[in-house]
Amino acid sequence: MSRGLLALVLVAACGRGSAPPPGSEILDRSRALADKMCACTDRACGTPLRTDWDALTKQIGGVSFTPEQVDALAREDQKFFACMSKLDH
């Protein structure tokens, strides 16, 4: 998991914030973005998805996650960046 996403997930897991969106919504969006990144075949496709990913990670603060959702977010983060790194080759 990228350090930024991991830090935000850990802060969010502490339950900060008064009315955060459900963790499942963030997880669903992260899965969709990871799937889209893995479908890309060139950097032109992946670059805007990276921007979307960065915006999503900024929304994590204050969201409460279950331990299972934290694990799932870590997997999606790894998947996203593994697929993105293949675009560089």
PDB file of N, CA and C in Angstrom:
ATOM      1  N   MET A   1       0.858  -1.170   0.000  1.00  0.00           N
ATOM      2  CA  MET A   1       0.000   0.000   0.000  1.00  0.00           C
ATOM      3  C   MET A   1       0.894   1.220   0.000  1.00  0.00           C
ATOM      4  N   SER A   2       0.535   2.220  -0.790  1.00  0.00           N
ATOM      5  CA  SER A   2       1.323   3.435  -0.794  1.00  0.00           C
ATOM      6  C   SER A   2       1.277   4.056   0.593  1.00  0.00           C
ATOM      7  N   ARG A   3       2.338   4.732   0.971  1.00  0.00           N
ATOM      8  CA  ARG A   3       2.418   5.301   2.316  1.00  0.00           C
ATOM      9  C   ARG A   3       1.303   6.298   2.582  1.00  0.00           C
ATOM     10  N   GLY A   4       0.967   7.108   1.580  1.00  0.00           N
ATOM     11  CA  GLY A   4      -0.092   8.097   1.758  1.00  0.00           C
ATOM     12  C   GLY A   4      -1.437   7.449   2.018  1.00  0.00           C
ATOM     13  N   LEU A   5      -1.764   6.431   1.243  1.00  0.00           N
ATOM     14  CA  LEU A   5      -3.048   5.752   1.425  1.00  0.00           C
ATOM     15  C   LEU A   5      -3.071   5.022   2.752  1.00  0.00           C
ATOM     16  N   LEU A   6      -1.984   4.365   3.103  1.00  0.00           N
ATOM     17  CA  LEU A   6      -1.927   3.645   4.369  1.00  0.00           C
ATOM     18  C   LEU A   6      -2.127   4.603   5.537  1.00  0.00           C
ATOM     19  N   ALA A   7      -1.467   5.723   5.522  1.00  0.00           N
ATOM     20  CA  ALA A   7      -1.612   6.701   6.610  1.00  0.00           C
ATOM     21  C   ALA A   7      -3.040   7.201   6.701  1.00  0.00           C
ATOM     22  N   LEU A   8      -3.643   7.496   5.562  1.00  0.00           N
ATOM     23  CA  LEU A   8      -5.021   7.987   5.578  1.00  0.00           C
ATOM     24  C   LEU A   8      -5.995   6.928   6.061  1.00  0.00           C
ATOM     25  N   VAL A   9      -5.775   5.688   5.670  1.00  0.00           N
ATOM     26  CA  VAL A   9      -6.655   4.605   6.124  1.00  0.00           C
ATOM     27  C   VAL A   9      -6.528   4.421   7.628  1.00  0.00           C
ATOM     28  N   LEU A  10      -5.306   4.478   8.130  1.00  0.00           N
ATOM     29  CA  LEU A  10      -5.114   4.308   9.574  1.00  0.00           C
ATOM     30  C   LEU A  10      -5.775   5.427  10.356  1.00  0.00           C
ATOM     31  N   VAL A  11      -5.670   6.646   9.882  1.00  0.00           N
ATOM     32  CA  VAL A  11      -6.345   7.768  10.540  1.00  0.00           C
ATOM     33  C   VAL A  11      -7.852   7.583  10.452  1.00  0.00           C
ATOM     34  N   ALA A  12      -8.341   7.201   9.302  1.00  0.00           N
ATOM     35  CA  ALA A  12      -9.779   7.008   9.117  1.00  0.00           C
ATOM     36  C   ALA A  12     -10.294   5.874   9.988  1.00  0.00           C
ATOM     37  N   ALA A  13      -9.497   4.851  10.164  1.00  0.00           N
ATOM     38  CA  ALA A  13      -9.925   3.709  10.967  1.00  0.00           C
ATOM     39  C   ALA A  13     -10.146   4.094  12.423  1.00  0.00           C
ATOM     40  N   CYS A  14      -9.563   5.191  12.822  1.00  0.00           N
ATOM     41  CA  CYS A  14      -9.742   5.664  14.200  1.00  0.00           C
ATOM     42  C   CYS A  14     -11.107   6.316  14.393  1.00  0.00           C
ATOM     43  N   GLY A  15     -11.858   6.512  13.324  1.00  0.00           N
ATOM     44  CA  GLY A  15     -13.216   7.034  13.443  1.00  0.00           C
ATOM     45  C   GLY A  15     -13.296   8.540  13.573  1.00  0.00           C
ATOM     46  N   ARG A  16     -12.330   9.273  13.075  1.00  0.00           N
ATOM     47  CA  ARG A  16     -12.368  10.729  13.146  1.00  0.00           C
ATOM     48  C   ARG A  16     -13.415  11.267  12.190  1.00  0.00           C
ATOM     49  N   GLY A  17     -14.071  12.346  12.576  1.00  0.00           N
ATOM     50  CA  GLY A  17     -15.085  12.975  11.730  1.00  0.00           C
ATOM     51  C   GLY A  17     -16.471  12.703  12.265  1.00  0.00           C
ATOM     52  N   SER A  18     -17.407  13.575  11.930  1.00  0.00           N
ATOM     53  CA  SER A  18     -18.748  13.439  12.485  1.00  0.00           C
ATOM     54  C   SER A  18     -19.693  12.641  11.598  1.00  0.00           C
ATOM     55  N   ALA A  19     -19.646  12.846  10.299  1.00  0.00           N
ATOM     56  CA  ALA A  19     -20.567  12.145   9.404  1.00  0.00           C
ATOM     57  C   ALA A  19     -19.849  11.708   8.140  1.00  0.00           C
ATOM     58  N   PRO A  20     -18.910  10.771   8.264  1.00  0.00           N
ATOM     59  CA  PRO A  20     -18.153  10.352   7.087  1.00  0.00           C
ATOM     60  C   PRO A  20     -18.984   9.474   6.166  1.00  0.00           C
ATOM     61  N   PRO A  21     -18.604   9.413   4.884  1.00  0.00           N
ATOM     62  CA  PRO A  21     -19.288   8.486   3.983  1.00  0.00           C
ATOM     63  C   PRO A  21     -18.949   7.059   4.396  1.00  0.00           C
ATOM     64  N   PRO A  22     -19.754   6.112   3.995  1.00  0.00           N
ATOM     65  CA  PRO A  22     -19.462   4.726   4.370  1.00  0.00           C
ATOM     66  C   PRO A  22     -18.176   4.235   3.712  1.00  0.00           C
ATOM     67  N   GLY A  23     -17.436   3.423   4.460  1.00  0.00           N
ATOM     68  CA  GLY A  23     -16.196   2.859   3.931  1.00  0.00           C
ATOM     69  C   GLY A  23     -16.425   2.030   2.687  1.00  0.00           C
ATOM     70  N   SER A  24     -17.598   1.410   2.592  1.00  0.00           N
ATOM     71  CA  SER A  24     -17.888   0.580   1.429  1.00  0.00           C
ATOM     72  C   SER A  24     -17.918   1.400   0.140  1.00  0.00           C
ATOM     73  N   GLU A  25     -18.350   2.641   0.234  1.00  0.00           N
ATOM     74  CA  GLU A  25     -18.380   3.509  -0.949  1.00  0.00           C
ATOM     75  C   GLU A  25     -16.959   3.785  -1.444  1.00  0.00           C
ATOM     76  N   ILE A  26     -16.077   4.107  -0.530  1.00  0.00           N
ATOM     77  CA  ILE A  26     -14.679   4.361  -0.894  1.00  0.00           C
ATOM     78  C   ILE A  26     -14.047   3.083  -1.450  1.00  0.00           C
ATOM     79  N   LEU A  27     -14.322   1.958  -0.820  1.00  0.00           N
ATOM     80  CA  LEU A  27     -13.768   0.684  -1.289  1.00  0.00           C
ATOM     81  C   LEU A  27     -14.274   0.360  -2.690  1.00  0.00           C
ATOM     82  N   ASP A  28     -15.550   0.550  -2.937  1.00  0.00           N
ATOM     83  CA  ASP A  28     -16.103   0.301  -4.270  1.00  0.00           C
ATOM     84  C   ASP A  28     -15.433   1.179  -5.317  1.00  0.00           C
ATOM     85  N   ARG A  29     -15.226   2.433  -4.977  1.00  0.00           N
ATOM     86  CA  ARG A  29     -14.573   3.353  -5.919  1.00  0.00           C
ATOM     87  C   ARG A  29     -13.123   2.965  -6.153  1.00  0.00           C
ATOM     88  N   SER A  30     -12.434   2.511  -5.105  1.00  0.00           N
ATOM     89  CA  SER A  30     -11.041   2.099  -5.281  1.00  0.00           C
ATOM     90  C   SER A  30     -10.955   0.847  -6.160  1.00  0.00           C
ATOM     91  N   ARG A  31     -11.895  -0.059  -5.992  1.00  0.00           N
ATOM     92  CA  ARG A  31     -11.913  -1.265  -6.846  1.00  0.00           C
ATOM     93  C   ARG A  31     -12.140  -0.893  -8.304  1.00  0.00           C
ATOM     94  N   ALA A  32     -13.069   0.010  -8.541  1.00  0.00           N
ATOM     95  CA  ALA A  32     -13.364   0.426  -9.914  1.00  0.00           C
ATOM     96  C   ALA A  32     -12.151   1.096 -10.556  1.00  0.00           C
ATOM     97  N   LEU A  33     -11.472   1.957  -9.801  1.00  0.00           N
ATOM     98  CA  LEU A  33     -10.292   2.629 -10.346  1.00  0.00           C
ATOM     99  C   LEU A  33      -9.158   1.633 -10.598  1.00  0.00           C
ATOM    100  N   ALA A  34      -8.955   0.694  -9.693  1.00  0.00           N
ATOM    101  CA  ALA A  34      -7.906  -0.313  -9.895  1.00  0.00           C
ATOM    102  C   ALA A  34      -8.209  -1.155 -11.129  1.00  0.00           C
ATOM    103  N   ASP A  35      -9.467  -1.541 -11.296  1.00  0.00           N
ATOM    104  CA  ASP A  35      -9.850  -2.320 -12.486  1.00  0.00           C
ATOM    105  C   ASP A  35      -9.621  -1.527 -13.767  1.00  0.00           C
ATOM    106  N   LYS A  36      -9.968  -0.254 -13.745  1.00  0.00           N
ATOM    107  CA  LYS A  36      -9.753   0.592 -14.926  1.00  0.00           C
ATOM    108  C   LYS A  36      -8.264   0.716 -15.239  1.00  0.00           C
ATOM    109  N   MET A  37      -7.441   0.903 -14.188  1.00  0.00           N
ATOM    110  CA  MET A  37      -5.998   1.028 -14.411  1.00  0.00           C
ATOM    111  C   MET A  37      -5.448  -0.257 -15.019  1.00  0.00           C
ATOM    112  N   CYS A  38      -5.919  -1.388 -14.542  1.00  0.00           N
ATOM    113  CA  CYS A  38      -5.425  -2.665 -15.059  1.00  0.00           C
ATOM    114  C   CYS A  38      -5.877  -2.912 -16.496  1.00  0.00           C
ATOM    115  N   ALA A  39      -6.928  -2.251 -16.930  1.00  0.00           N
ATOM    116  CA  ALA A  39      -7.392  -2.383 -18.308  1.00  0.00           C
ATOM    117  C   ALA A  39      -6.623  -1.477 -19.264  1.00  0.00           C
ATOM    118  N   CYS A  40      -5.885  -0.528 -18.729  1.00  0.00           N
ATOM    119  CA  CYS A  40      -5.129   0.404 -19.578  1.00  0.00           C
ATOM    120  C   CYS A  40      -3.962  -0.302 -20.252  1.00  0.00           C
ATOM    121  N   THR A  41      -3.666   0.174 -21.450  1.00  0.00           N
ATOM    122  CA  THR A  41      -2.531  -0.376 -22.188  1.00  0.00           C
ATOM    123  C   THR A  41      -1.443   0.664 -22.451  1.00  0.00           C
ATOM    124  N   ASP A  42      -1.699   1.916 -22.070  1.00  0.00           N
ATOM    125  CA  ASP A  42      -0.684   2.950 -22.259  1.00  0.00           C
ATOM    126  C   ASP A  42      -0.838   4.038 -21.196  1.00  0.00           C
ATOM    127  N   ARG A  43       0.187   4.876 -21.116  1.00  0.00           N
ATOM    128  CA  ARG A  43       0.204   5.934 -20.100  1.00  0.00           C
ATOM    129  C   ARG A  43      -0.900   6.965 -20.322  1.00  0.00           C
ATOM    130  N   ALA A  44      -1.292   7.185 -21.557  1.00  0.00           N
ATOM    131  CA  ALA A  44      -2.357   8.154 -21.837  1.00  0.00           C
ATOM    132  C   ALA A  44      -3.650   7.733 -21.150  1.00  0.00           C
ATOM    133  N   CYS A  45      -3.873   6.466 -21.035  1.00  0.00           N
ATOM    134  CA  CYS A  45      -5.052   5.940 -20.347  1.00  0.00           C
ATOM    135  C   CYS A  45      -4.876   6.038 -18.830  1.00  0.00           C
ATOM    136  N   GLY A  46      -3.685   5.699 -18.337  1.00  0.00           N
ATOM    137  CA  GLY A  46      -3.451   5.620 -16.903  1.00  0.00           C
ATOM    138  C   GLY A  46      -3.279   6.946 -16.189  1.00  0.00           C
ATOM    139  N   THR A  47      -2.771   7.957 -16.881  1.00  0.00           N
ATOM    140  CA  THR A  47      -2.486   9.235 -16.227  1.00  0.00           C
ATOM    141  C   THR A  47      -3.713   9.869 -15.583  1.00  0.00           C
ATOM    142  N   PRO A  48      -4.853   9.976 -16.260  1.00  0.00           N
ATOM    143  CA  PRO A  48      -6.018  10.567 -15.595  1.00  0.00           C
ATOM    144  C   PRO A  48      -6.542   9.703 -14.444  1.00  0.00           C
ATOM    145  N   LEU A  49      -6.336   8.397 -14.532  1.00  0.00           N
ATOM    146  CA  LEU A  49      -6.767   7.519 -13.446  1.00  0.00           C
ATOM    147  C   LEU A  49      -5.924   7.755 -12.204  1.00  0.00           C
ATOM    148  N   ARG A  50      -4.655   8.052 -12.385  1.00  0.00           N
ATOM    149  CA  ARG A  50      -3.794   8.373 -11.229  1.00  0.00           C
ATOM    150  C   ARG A  50      -4.299   9.641 -10.553  1.00  0.00           C
ATOM    151  N   THR A  51      -4.717  10.613 -11.331  1.00  0.00           N
ATOM    152  CA  THR A  51      -5.288  11.834 -10.761  1.00  0.00           C
ATOM    153  C   THR A  51      -6.545  11.505  -9.957  1.00  0.00           C
ATOM    154  N   ASP A  52      -7.392  10.639 -10.511  1.00  0.00           N
ATOM    155  CA  ASP A  52      -8.610  10.220  -9.805  1.00  0.00           C
ATOM    156  C   ASP A  52      -8.263   9.472  -8.522  1.00  0.00           C
ATOM    157  N   TRP A  53      -7.233   8.619  -8.574  1.00  0.00           N
ATOM    158  CA  TRP A  53      -6.811   7.859  -7.396  1.00  0.00           C
ATOM    159  C   TRP A  53      -6.344   8.805  -6.290  1.00  0.00           C
ATOM    160  N   ASP A  54      -5.540   9.791  -6.678  1.00  0.00           N
ATOM    161  CA  ASP A  54      -5.044  10.751  -5.693  1.00  0.00           C
ATOM    162  C   ASP A  54      -6.194  11.526  -5.055  1.00  0.00           C
ATOM    163  N   ALA A  55      -7.178  11.887  -5.852  1.00  0.00           N
ATOM    164  CA  ALA A  55      -8.354  12.590  -5.318  1.00  0.00           C
ATOM    165  C   ALA A  55      -9.125  11.687  -4.356  1.00  0.00           C
ATOM    166  N   LEU A  56      -9.241  10.410  -4.688  1.00  0.00           N
ATOM    167  CA  LEU A  56      -9.938   9.471  -3.812  1.00  0.00           C
ATOM    168  C   LEU A  56      -9.220   9.338  -2.475  1.00  0.00           C
ATOM    169  N   THR A  57      -7.900   9.258  -2.493  1.00  0.00           N
ATOM    170  CA  THR A  57      -7.166   9.098  -1.241  1.00  0.00           C
ATOM    171  C   THR A  57      -7.328  10.315  -0.341  1.00  0.00           C
ATOM    172  N   LYS A  58      -7.556  11.473  -0.917  1.00  0.00           N
ATOM    173  CA  LYS A  58      -7.785  12.678  -0.111  1.00  0.00           C
ATOM    174  C   LYS A  58      -9.139  12.637   0.584  1.00  0.00           C
ATOM    175  N   GLN A  59     -10.057  11.848   0.080  1.00  0.00           N
ATOM    176  CA  GLN A  59     -11.400  11.757   0.657  1.00  0.00           C
ATOM    177  C   GLN A  59     -11.482  10.738   1.791  1.00  0.00           C
ATOM    178  N   ILE A  60     -10.416  10.002   2.034  1.00  0.00           N
ATOM    179  CA  ILE A  60     -10.449   8.934   3.018  1.00  0.00           C
ATOM    180  C   ILE A  60     -10.495   9.464   4.454  1.00  0.00           C
ATOM    181  N   GLY A  61      -9.898  10.615   4.700  1.00  0.00           N
ATOM    182  CA  GLY A  61      -9.873  11.160   6.055  1.00  0.00           C
ATOM    183  C   GLY A  61     -11.268  11.260   6.648  1.00  0.00           C
ATOM    184  N   GLY A  62     -11.439  10.741   7.846  1.00  0.00           N
ATOM    185  CA  GLY A  62     -12.717  10.802   8.533  1.00  0.00           C
ATOM    186  C   GLY A  62     -13.660   9.659   8.246  1.00  0.00           C
ATOM    187  N   VAL A  63     -13.290   8.790   7.311  1.00  0.00           N
ATOM    188  CA  VAL A  63     -14.137   7.644   6.964  1.00  0.00           C
ATOM    189  C   VAL A  63     -13.812   6.497   7.919  1.00  0.00           C
ATOM    190  N   SER A  64     -14.828   5.832   8.417  1.00  0.00           N
ATOM    191  CA  SER A  64     -14.631   4.665   9.279  1.00  0.00           C
ATOM    192  C   SER A  64     -14.634   3.407   8.423  1.00  0.00           C
ATOM    193  N   PHE A  65     -13.619   2.567   8.634  1.00  0.00           N
ATOM    194  CA  PHE A  65     -13.484   1.319   7.906  1.00  0.00           C
ATOM    195  C   PHE A  65     -13.447   0.147   8.876  1.00  0.00           C
ATOM    196  N   THR A  66     -13.987  -0.966   8.427  1.00  0.00           N
ATOM    197  CA  THR A  66     -13.829  -2.205   9.184  1.00  0.00           C
ATOM    198  C   THR A  66     -12.424  -2.732   8.902  1.00  0.00           C
ATOM    199  N   PRO A  67     -11.920  -3.632   9.730  1.00  0.00           N
ATOM    200  CA  PRO A  67     -10.605  -4.223   9.434  1.00  0.00           C
ATOM    201  C   PRO A  67     -10.575  -4.910   8.064  1.00  0.00           C
ATOM    202  N   GLU A  68     -11.675  -5.526   7.683  1.00  0.00           N
ATOM    203  CA  GLU A  68     -11.739  -6.187   6.373  1.00  0.00           C
ATOM    204  C   GLU A  68     -11.642  -5.165   5.239  1.00  0.00           C
ATOM    205  N   GLN A  69     -12.282  -4.004   5.424  1.00  0.00           N
ATOM    206  CA  GLN A  69     -12.220  -2.963   4.405  1.00  0.00           C
ATOM    207  C   GLN A  69     -10.808  -2.386   4.301  1.00  0.00           C
ATOM    208  N   VAL A  70     -10.128  -2.251   5.427  1.00  0.00           N
ATOM    209  CA  VAL A  70      -8.742  -1.771   5.411  1.00  0.00           C
ATOM    210  C   VAL A  70      -7.882  -2.743   4.612  1.00  0.00           C
ATOM    211  N   ASP A  71      -8.041  -4.038   4.856  1.00  0.00           N
ATOM    212  CA  ASP A  71      -7.283  -5.048   4.103  1.00  0.00           C
ATOM    213  C   ASP A  71      -7.610  -4.978   2.618  1.00  0.00           C
ATOM    214  N   ALA A  72      -8.888  -4.830   2.292  1.00  0.00           N
ATOM    215  CA  ALA A  72      -9.314  -4.757   0.892  1.00  0.00           C
ATOM    216  C   ALA A  72      -8.763  -3.505   0.220  1.00  0.00           C
ATOM    217  N   LEU A  73      -8.757  -2.391   0.934  1.00  0.00           N
ATOM    218  CA  LEU A  73      -8.184  -1.163   0.380  1.00  0.00           C
ATOM    219  C   LEU A  73      -6.698  -1.337   0.105  1.00  0.00           C
ATOM    220  N   ALA A  74      -6.002  -2.019   0.989  1.00  0.00           N
ATOM    221  CA  ALA A  74      -4.571  -2.273   0.780  1.00  0.00           C
ATOM    222  C   ALA A  74      -4.356  -3.105  -0.481  1.00  0.00           C
ATOM    223  N   ARG A  75      -5.192  -4.116  -0.679  1.00  0.00           N
ATOM    224  CA  ARG A  75      -5.073  -4.945  -1.892  1.00  0.00           C
ATOM    225  C   ARG A  75      -5.343  -4.128  -3.152  1.00  0.00           C
ATOM    226  N   GLU A  76      -6.370  -3.289  -3.109  1.00  0.00           N
ATOM    227  CA  GLU A  76      -6.689  -2.462  -4.284  1.00  0.00           C
ATOM    228  C   GLU A  76      -5.572  -1.471  -4.573  1.00  0.00           C
ATOM    229  N   ASP A  77      -4.976  -0.921  -3.529  1.00  0.00           N
ATOM    230  CA  ASP A  77      -3.857   0.005  -3.689  1.00  0.00           C
ATOM    231  C   ASP A  77      -2.689  -0.703  -4.374  1.00  0.00           C
ATOM    232  N   GLN A  78      -2.367  -1.902  -3.912  1.00  0.00           N
ATOM    233  CA  GLN A  78      -1.278  -2.669  -4.520  1.00  0.00           C
ATOM    234  C   GLN A  78      -1.592  -3.003  -5.972  1.00  0.00           C
ATOM    235  N   LYS A  79      -2.814  -3.403  -6.230  1.00  0.00           N
ATOM    236  CA  LYS A  79      -3.241  -3.743  -7.591  1.00  0.00           C
ATOM    237  C   LYS A  79      -3.127  -2.525  -8.504  1.00  0.00           C
ATOM    238  N   PHE A  80      -3.631  -1.390  -8.043  1.00  0.00           N
ATOM    239  CA  PHE A  80      -3.606  -0.161  -8.834  1.00  0.00           C
ATOM    240  C   PHE A  80      -2.174   0.177  -9.238  1.00  0.00           C
ATOM    241  N   PHE A  81      -1.277   0.201  -8.254  1.00  0.00           N
ATOM    242  CA  PHE A  81       0.091   0.623  -8.542  1.00  0.00           C
ATOM    243  C   PHE A  81       0.886  -0.434  -9.305  1.00  0.00           C
ATOM    244  N   ALA A  82       0.571  -1.700  -9.126  1.00  0.00           N
ATOM    245  CA  ALA A  82       1.223  -2.747  -9.926  1.00  0.00           C
ATOM    246  C   ALA A  82       0.840  -2.593 -11.394  1.00  0.00           C
ATOM    247  N   CYS A  83      -0.430  -2.352 -11.645  1.00  0.00           N
ATOM    248  CA  CYS A  83      -0.882  -2.172 -13.034  1.00  0.00           C
ATOM    249  C   CYS A  83      -0.329  -0.882 -13.622  1.00  0.00           C
ATOM    250  N   MET A  84      -0.272   0.164 -12.820  1.00  0.00           N
ATOM    251  CA  MET A  84       0.268   1.422 -13.295  1.00  0.00           C
ATOM    252  C   MET A  84       1.748   1.270 -13.656  1.00  0.00           C
ATOM    253  N   SER A  85       2.494   0.529 -12.852  1.00  0.00           N
ATOM    254  CA  SER A  85       3.919   0.367 -13.133  1.00  0.00           C
ATOM    255  C   SER A  85       4.163  -0.395 -14.432  1.00  0.00           C
ATOM    256  N   LYS A  86       3.242  -1.254 -14.835  1.00  0.00           N
ATOM    257  CA  LYS A  86       3.391  -1.985 -16.089  1.00  0.00           C
ATOM    258  C   LYS A  86       3.255  -1.063 -17.300  1.00  0.00           C
ATOM    259  N   LEU A  87       2.595   0.067 -17.111  1.00  0.00           N
ATOM    260  CA  LEU A  87       2.447   1.019 -18.215  1.00  0.00           C
ATOM    261  C   LEU A  87       3.758   1.714 -18.536  1.00  0.00           C
ATOM    262  N   ASP A  88       4.695   1.704 -17.607  1.00  0.00           N
ATOM    263  CA  ASP A  88       5.981   2.363 -17.805  1.00  0.00           C
ATOM    264  C   ASP A  88       6.940   1.521 -18.630  1.00  0.00           C
ATOM    265  N   HIS A  89       6.608   0.240 -18.832  1.00  0.00           N
ATOM    266  CA  HIS A  89       7.521  -0.661 -19.533  1.00  0.00           C
ATOM    267  C   HIS A  89       7.157  -0.839 -20.976  1.00  0.00           C
TER     268      HIS A  89
END
